[in-house]
C-alpha atoms as a PDB file:
ATOM      1  CA  MET A   1       0.000   0.000   0.000  1.00  0.00           C
ATOM      2  CA  ASN A   2       2.877   2.313   0.757  1.00  0.00           C
ATOM      3  CA  GLN A   3       4.225   1.987  -2.774  1.00  0.00           C
ATOM      4  CA  TYR A   4       0.734   2.702  -4.167  1.00  0.00           C
ATOM      5  CA  LEU A   5       0.574   6.000  -2.219  1.00  0.00           C
ATOM      6  CA  ARG A   6       4.016   7.001  -3.430  1.00  0.00           C
ATOM      7  CA  ILE A   7       3.002   6.415  -7.069  1.00  0.00           C
ATOM      8  CA  HIS A   8      -0.231   8.311  -6.430  1.00  0.00           C
ATOM      9  CA  TYR A   9       1.672  11.297  -5.008  1.00  0.00           C
ATOM     10  CA  VAL A  10       4.149  11.280  -7.879  1.00  0.00           C
ATOM     11  CA  CYS A  11       1.286  11.246 -10.397  1.00  0.00           C
ATOM     12  CA  MET A  12      -0.475  14.104  -8.600  1.00  0.00           C
ATOM     13  CA  PHE A  13       2.764  16.090  -8.504  1.00  0.00           C
ATOM     14  CA  LEU A  14       3.317  15.536 -12.234  1.00  0.00           C
ATOM     15  CA  ILE A  15      -0.261  16.571 -13.035  1.00  0.00           C
ATOM     16  CA  LEU A  16       0.053  19.723 -10.917  1.00  0.00           C
ATOM     17  CA  ALA A  17       3.438  20.531 -12.475  1.00  0.00           C
ATOM     18  CA  GLY A  18       1.931  20.093 -15.953  1.00  0.00           C
ATOM     19  CA  LEU A  19      -0.985  22.380 -15.071  1.00  0.00           C
ATOM     20  CA  ALA A  20       1.342  25.005 -13.619  1.00  0.00           C
ATOM     21  CA  SER A  21       3.476  24.844 -16.740  1.00  0.00           C
ATOM     22  CA  ALA A  22       0.393  25.245 -18.975  1.00  0.00           C
ATOM     23  CA  VAL A  23      -0.833  28.237 -16.973  1.00  0.00           C
ATOM     24  CA  GLY A  24       2.632  29.775 -17.191  1.00  0.00           C
ATOM     25  CA  CYS A  25       2.698  29.331 -20.976  1.00  0.00           C
ATOM     26  CA  ILE A  26      -0.764  30.869 -21.329  1.00  0.00           C
ATOM     27  CA  TYR A  27       0.180  33.843 -19.156  1.00  0.00           C
ATOM     28  CA  SER A  28       3.420  34.359 -21.072  1.00  0.00           C
ATOM     29  CA  LYS A  29       1.604  34.281 -24.433  1.00  0.00           C
ATOM     30  CA  HIS A  30      -1.009  36.741 -23.140  1.00  0.00           C
ATOM     31  CA  GLN A  31       1.689  39.147 -21.949  1.00  0.00           C
ATOM     32  CA  SER A  32       3.489  38.840 -25.279  1.00  0.00           C
ATOM     33  CA  ARG A  33       0.341  39.716 -27.232  1.00  0.00           C
ATOM     34  CA  LYS A  34      -0.477  42.598 -24.913  1.00  0.00           C
ATOM     35  CA  LEU A  35       3.018  44.070 -25.263  1.00  0.00           C
ATOM     36  CA  PHE A  36       2.938  43.630 -29.045  1.00  0.00           C
ATOM     37  CA  THR A  37      -0.362  45.536 -29.220  1.00  0.00           C
ATOM     38  CA  GLU A  38       1.165  48.316 -27.115  1.00  0.00           C
ATOM     39  CA  LEU A  39       4.221  48.398 -29.393  1.00  0.00           C
ATOM     40  CA  GLN A  40       1.999  48.731 -32.476  1.00  0.00           C
ATOM     41  CA  ALA A  41       0.085  51.625 -30.887  1.00  0.00           C
ATOM     42  CA  MET A  42       3.321  53.405 -29.970  1.00  0.00           C
ATOM     43  CA  THR A  43       4.719  52.879 -33.465  1.00  0.00           C
ATOM     44  CA  GLU A  44       1.587  54.437 -34.982  1.00  0.00           C
ATOM     45  CA  ALA A  45       1.814  57.375 -32.565  1.00  0.00           C
ATOM     46  CA  ARG A  46       5.486  57.875 -33.471  1.00  0.00           C
ATOM     47  CA  ASP A  47       4.657  57.863 -37.168  1.00  0.00           C
ATOM     48  CA  ARG A  48       1.896  60.452 -36.649  1.00  0.00           C
ATOM     49  CA  LEU A  49       4.263  62.654 -34.653  1.00  0.00           C
ATOM     50  CA  GLU A  50       6.955  62.414 -37.337  1.00  0.00           C
ATOM     51  CA  VAL A  51       4.448  63.530 -39.988  1.00  0.00           C
ATOM     52  CA  GLU A  52       3.341  66.434 -37.796  1.00  0.00           C
ATOM     53  CA  TRP A  53       6.988  67.381 -37.124  1.00  0.00           C
ATOM     54  CA  GLY A  54       7.706  67.502 -40.854  1.00  0.00           C
ATOM     55  CA  ARG A  55       4.621  69.644 -41.432  1.00  0.00           C
ATOM     56  CA  LEU A  56       5.651  72.040 -38.671  1.00  0.00           C
ATOM     57  CA  GLN A  57       9.168  72.359 -40.098  1.00  0.00           C
ATOM     58  CA  ILE A  58       7.726  73.257 -43.506  1.00  0.00           C
ATOM     59  CA  GLU A  59       5.366  75.750 -41.877  1.00  0.00           C
ATOM     60  CA  GLN A  60       8.207  77.347 -39.925  1.00  0.00           C
ATOM     61  CA  GLY A  61      10.261  77.649 -43.098  1.00  0.00           C
ATOM     62  CA  THR A  62       7.343  79.324 -44.839  1.00  0.00           C
ATOM     63  CA  TRP A  63       6.690  81.821 -42.046  1.00  0.00           C
ATOM     64  CA  SER A  64      10.335  82.804 -41.661  1.00  0.00           C
ATOM     65  CA  THR A  65      11.342  83.522 -45.259  1.00  0.00           C
ATOM     66  CA  HIS A  66      13.323  86.733 -45.700  1.00  0.00           C
ATOM     67  CA  ALA A  67      10.835  88.160 -48.193  1.00  0.00           C
ATOM     68  CA  ARG A  68       7.921  87.662 -45.783  1.00  0.00           C
ATOM     69  CA  VAL A  69       9.775  89.164 -42.819  1.00  0.00           C
ATOM     70  CA  GLU A  70      10.809  92.173 -44.911  1.00  0.00           C
ATOM     71  CA  ARG A  71       7.262  92.676 -46.221  1.00  0.00           C
ATOM     72  CA  LEU A  72       5.811  92.527 -42.689  1.00  0.00           C
ATOM     73  CA  ALA A  73       8.447  94.966 -41.432  1.00  0.00           C
ATOM     74  CA  ARG A  74       7.526  97.431 -44.178  1.00  0.00           C
ATOM     75  CA  GLU A  75       3.738  97.051 -43.897  1.00  0.00           C
ATOM     76  CA  HIS A  76       3.173  96.725 -40.142  1.00  0.00           C
ATOM     77  CA  MET A  77       6.160  98.475 -38.611  1.00  0.00           C
ATOM     78  CA  GLY A  78       6.794 101.144 -41.211  1.00  0.00           C
ATOM     79  CA  MET A  79      10.417 100.071 -41.619  1.00  0.00           C
ATOM     80  CA  ARG A  80      12.368 100.855 -44.751  1.00  0.00           C
ATOM     81  CA  THR A  81      15.898 100.573 -46.101  1.00  0.00           C
ATOM     82  CA  PRO A  82      17.891 103.712 -45.111  1.00  0.00           C
ATOM     83  CA  VAL A  83      19.219 105.983 -47.819  1.00  0.00           C
ATOM     84  CA  ALA A  84      22.965 106.643 -47.995  1.00  0.00           C
ATOM     85  CA  SER A  85      22.689 110.001 -46.216  1.00  0.00           C
ATOM     86  CA  GLU A  86      21.056 108.350 -43.187  1.00  0.00           C
ATOM     87  CA  ILE A  87      23.855 105.810 -42.669  1.00  0.00           C
ATOM     88  CA  LEU A  88      26.391 106.772 -40.020  1.00  0.00           C
ATOM     89  CA  LEU A  89      29.653 104.843 -39.764  1.00  0.00           C
ATOM     90  CA  VAL A  90      30.996 104.551 -36.211  1.00  0.00           C
ATOM     91  CA  ARG A  91      34.649 103.708 -35.781  1.00  0.00           C
ATOM     92  CA  PRO A  92      36.285 102.631 -32.530  1.00  0.00           C
END
């Protein structure tokens, strides 16, 4: 009878170890899928931000052209290029 109990305990241990291993595999696969989904979302967000960054760089280049700045200075601030008689050269 003693040997029968030992075999019974060994079988129960092997069954429990198999179940624990299966649960561990399932949990690991679930975590892997969850992290992959998060990676995909972050990759999409990065791509959107890169597109927006490129658009903002183009917009900044457009707003800061020399011709536009000069036109705004003339129209809104009344600035103009000085004539030769208005230029004063200061020497040290």
